[in-house]
N, C-alpha and C. Protein backbone atom coordinates (compact mmCIF):
# COMPACT_ATOMS: atom_id res chain seq x y z
N MET A 1 -31.75 -42.53 -26.40
CA MET A 1 -30.30 -43.37 -25.82
C MET A 1 -29.35 -42.27 -25.55
N PRO A 2 -28.81 -42.84 -24.36
CA PRO A 2 -28.10 -41.81 -23.42
C PRO A 2 -26.78 -41.44 -24.27
N ARG A 3 -25.89 -40.34 -24.19
CA ARG A 3 -24.85 -40.01 -24.94
C ARG A 3 -23.50 -40.98 -24.01
N THR A 4 -23.86 -41.50 -22.79
CA THR A 4 -22.93 -41.94 -22.16
C THR A 4 -23.23 -43.22 -21.84
N SER A 5 -22.17 -44.19 -21.52
CA SER A 5 -22.55 -45.26 -21.53
C SER A 5 -22.05 -45.43 -19.52
N LEU A 6 -21.66 -44.42 -18.95
CA LEU A 6 -21.54 -44.27 -17.46
C LEU A 6 -22.78 -44.51 -16.55
N PRO A 7 -23.04 -45.31 -15.79
CA PRO A 7 -24.27 -45.22 -15.23
C PRO A 7 -24.26 -44.10 -14.37
N ALA A 8 -25.50 -43.84 -14.57
CA ALA A 8 -25.90 -41.93 -13.71
C ALA A 8 -25.82 -42.34 -12.30
N ASP A 9 -26.28 -43.46 -11.45
CA ASP A 9 -26.27 -43.52 -10.16
C ASP A 9 -24.93 -44.17 -9.86
N ASP A 10 -23.98 -44.11 -10.13
CA ASP A 10 -22.55 -44.98 -9.65
C ASP A 10 -22.25 -43.77 -8.87
N THR A 11 -22.19 -44.29 -7.56
CA THR A 11 -21.51 -43.54 -6.27
C THR A 11 -19.90 -43.39 -6.65
N LYS A 12 -19.27 -44.01 -7.20
CA LYS A 12 -17.59 -44.27 -7.50
C LYS A 12 -17.44 -43.00 -8.17
N LEU A 13 -18.41 -42.54 -9.14
CA LEU A 13 -18.40 -41.65 -10.22
C LEU A 13 -18.66 -40.10 -9.72
N SER A 14 -19.38 -39.86 -8.49
CA SER A 14 -19.95 -38.64 -7.75
C SER A 14 -19.19 -37.85 -7.65
N PRO A 15 -17.74 -38.10 -7.29
CA PRO A 15 -16.61 -36.76 -7.18
C PRO A 15 -16.36 -36.29 -8.51
N PHE A 16 -17.03 -36.83 -9.67
CA PHE A 16 -16.34 -36.09 -10.75
C PHE A 16 -17.57 -35.48 -11.64
N ALA A 17 -16.95 -34.52 -12.38
CA ALA A 17 -18.27 -33.79 -13.44
C ALA A 17 -17.51 -34.51 -14.79
N ILE A 18 -18.58 -35.50 -15.54
CA ILE A 18 -18.68 -36.02 -16.48
C ILE A 18 -18.96 -35.23 -17.51
N SER A 19 -18.53 -35.21 -18.75
CA SER A 19 -18.69 -34.44 -20.11
C SER A 19 -18.52 -35.88 -21.30
N THR A 20 -19.41 -35.92 -21.79
CA THR A 20 -19.36 -36.82 -23.26
C THR A 20 -18.97 -36.32 -24.66
N HIS A 21 -18.01 -36.57 -25.15
CA HIS A 21 -17.82 -35.94 -26.89
C HIS A 21 -17.57 -36.98 -27.59
N THR A 22 -18.08 -36.32 -28.84
CA THR A 22 -17.85 -37.36 -30.04
C THR A 22 -16.08 -37.34 -30.40
N TYR A 23 -15.70 -38.56 -30.44
CA TYR A 23 -14.48 -38.33 -30.59
C TYR A 23 -14.09 -38.52 -32.46
N LYS A 24 -14.73 -39.29 -32.95
CA LYS A 24 -14.96 -39.33 -34.55
C LYS A 24 -16.10 -40.18 -34.74
N VAL A 25 -16.79 -40.11 -36.21
CA VAL A 25 -17.72 -40.76 -36.84
C VAL A 25 -17.19 -41.68 -37.37
N VAL A 26 -17.81 -43.00 -37.75
CA VAL A 26 -17.19 -44.02 -38.54
C VAL A 26 -18.62 -44.71 -39.14
N ASP A 27 -18.87 -44.42 -40.23
CA ASP A 27 -19.78 -44.80 -41.07
C ASP A 27 -21.15 -44.34 -40.27
N GLY A 28 -21.28 -43.46 -40.06
CA GLY A 28 -22.32 -42.79 -39.65
C GLY A 28 -22.55 -42.92 -38.12
N HIS A 29 -21.79 -43.77 -37.70
CA HIS A 29 -21.88 -43.97 -35.88
C HIS A 29 -20.76 -43.12 -35.09
N GLU A 30 -20.94 -42.61 -34.09
CA GLU A 30 -20.31 -41.91 -33.21
C GLU A 30 -19.72 -42.58 -32.19
N ILE A 31 -18.27 -42.21 -32.34
CA ILE A 31 -17.17 -43.18 -31.43
C ILE A 31 -17.29 -41.99 -30.14
N LEU A 32 -17.45 -42.31 -28.98
CA LEU A 32 -17.86 -41.36 -27.86
C LEU A 32 -16.82 -41.41 -26.64
N THR A 33 -16.15 -40.30 -26.06
CA THR A 33 -15.44 -40.86 -25.03
C THR A 33 -15.81 -40.07 -24.03
N ASP A 34 -15.38 -40.33 -22.84
CA ASP A 34 -16.12 -39.68 -21.48
C ASP A 34 -15.01 -38.90 -20.65
N VAL A 35 -15.01 -37.57 -20.39
CA VAL A 35 -13.92 -36.94 -20.02
C VAL A 35 -14.41 -36.63 -18.38
N LEU A 36 -13.92 -37.09 -17.39
CA LEU A 36 -13.97 -37.16 -16.09
C LEU A 36 -13.10 -35.83 -15.29
N ILE A 37 -13.53 -35.01 -14.90
CA ILE A 37 -12.97 -34.16 -13.92
C ILE A 37 -13.20 -33.91 -12.59
N PRO A 38 -12.35 -34.10 -11.60
CA PRO A 38 -12.67 -34.00 -10.34
C PRO A 38 -13.52 -32.62 -9.86
N LYS A 39 -14.46 -32.81 -9.28
CA LYS A 39 -15.15 -31.58 -8.80
C LYS A 39 -14.56 -30.61 -8.11
N LYS A 40 -13.70 -31.02 -7.30
CA LYS A 40 -12.87 -30.26 -6.53
C LYS A 40 -11.90 -29.38 -7.33
N LEU A 41 -11.56 -29.90 -8.18
CA LEU A 41 -10.65 -29.26 -9.13
C LEU A 41 -11.36 -28.14 -10.24
N LEU A 42 -12.46 -28.25 -10.30
CA LEU A 42 -13.38 -27.38 -11.10
C LEU A 42 -13.79 -26.21 -10.16
N GLU A 43 -14.07 -26.63 -8.83
CA GLU A 43 -14.35 -25.31 -8.09
C GLU A 43 -13.27 -24.54 -7.90
N LEU A 44 -12.23 -25.10 -7.88
CA LEU A 44 -10.82 -23.94 -7.48
C LEU A 44 -10.72 -23.19 -8.93
N GLY A 45 -10.83 -23.78 -10.15
CA GLY A 45 -10.97 -22.96 -11.25
C GLY A 45 -9.52 -22.80 -12.07
N PRO A 46 -9.56 -22.57 -13.33
CA PRO A 46 -8.18 -22.53 -13.77
C PRO A 46 -7.00 -21.52 -13.36
N GLU A 47 -7.34 -20.60 -12.71
CA GLU A 47 -6.26 -20.01 -11.93
C GLU A 47 -5.68 -20.41 -10.97
N SER A 48 -6.00 -21.75 -10.03
CA SER A 48 -5.59 -22.27 -8.95
C SER A 48 -4.10 -22.86 -9.54
N ASP A 49 -3.27 -22.93 -8.61
CA ASP A 49 -1.91 -23.66 -9.01
C ASP A 49 -2.16 -25.34 -9.13
N GLU A 50 -3.75 -25.59 -8.75
CA GLU A 50 -3.68 -27.00 -8.64
C GLU A 50 -3.95 -27.44 -10.35
N TRP A 51 -4.35 -26.47 -11.03
CA TRP A 51 -4.46 -26.76 -12.22
C TRP A 51 -3.41 -27.05 -13.18
N LYS A 52 -2.18 -26.56 -12.75
CA LYS A 52 -0.90 -26.68 -13.28
C LYS A 52 -0.08 -27.87 -13.00
N LYS A 53 -0.55 -28.63 -11.74
CA LYS A 53 0.24 -30.03 -11.41
C LYS A 53 -0.16 -30.95 -12.49
N ARG A 54 0.44 -31.53 -12.63
CA ARG A 54 0.59 -33.01 -13.49
C ARG A 54 -0.20 -33.82 -13.08
N ARG A 55 -1.14 -34.69 -13.74
CA ARG A 55 -2.06 -35.93 -13.26
C ARG A 55 -2.21 -36.64 -13.95
N PRO A 56 -2.46 -37.96 -13.41
CA PRO A 56 -2.75 -39.16 -14.47
C PRO A 56 -3.94 -39.00 -15.30
N VAL A 57 -3.97 -39.62 -16.40
CA VAL A 57 -5.26 -39.54 -17.17
C VAL A 57 -5.70 -40.71 -17.44
N MET A 58 -6.69 -41.19 -17.75
CA MET A 58 -7.31 -42.22 -18.01
C MET A 58 -8.27 -42.23 -19.09
N VAL A 59 -8.30 -42.60 -20.11
CA VAL A 59 -9.29 -42.45 -21.62
C VAL A 59 -10.06 -43.41 -21.57
N ARG A 60 -11.37 -43.37 -22.13
CA ARG A 60 -12.25 -44.46 -21.93
C ARG A 60 -13.14 -44.13 -23.40
N PHE A 61 -12.64 -45.00 -24.29
CA PHE A 61 -13.67 -44.82 -25.55
C PHE A 61 -14.84 -45.83 -25.71
N HIS A 62 -15.96 -45.58 -25.74
CA HIS A 62 -17.31 -46.15 -25.96
C HIS A 62 -16.65 -47.25 -27.12
N GLY A 63 -16.97 -48.30 -26.81
CA GLY A 63 -16.92 -49.29 -27.43
C GLY A 63 -18.42 -49.33 -28.66
N GLY A 64 -18.48 -50.78 -28.90
CA GLY A 64 -20.01 -50.84 -29.78
C GLY A 64 -20.25 -52.22 -29.93
């Protein structure tokens, strides 16, 4: 079973690096969350001024 529910071949998501993390565990079941970071931002690196700018955030928790 994949750790993410995001489709691997979704071209809308191709500009993002996606990492999936366990938010918490309830009754032995992991509640997962995906973190999407623009690949261009990652290429610039944390020393870049771009990293210091405010950006909108969208949070998506996997349901069940």
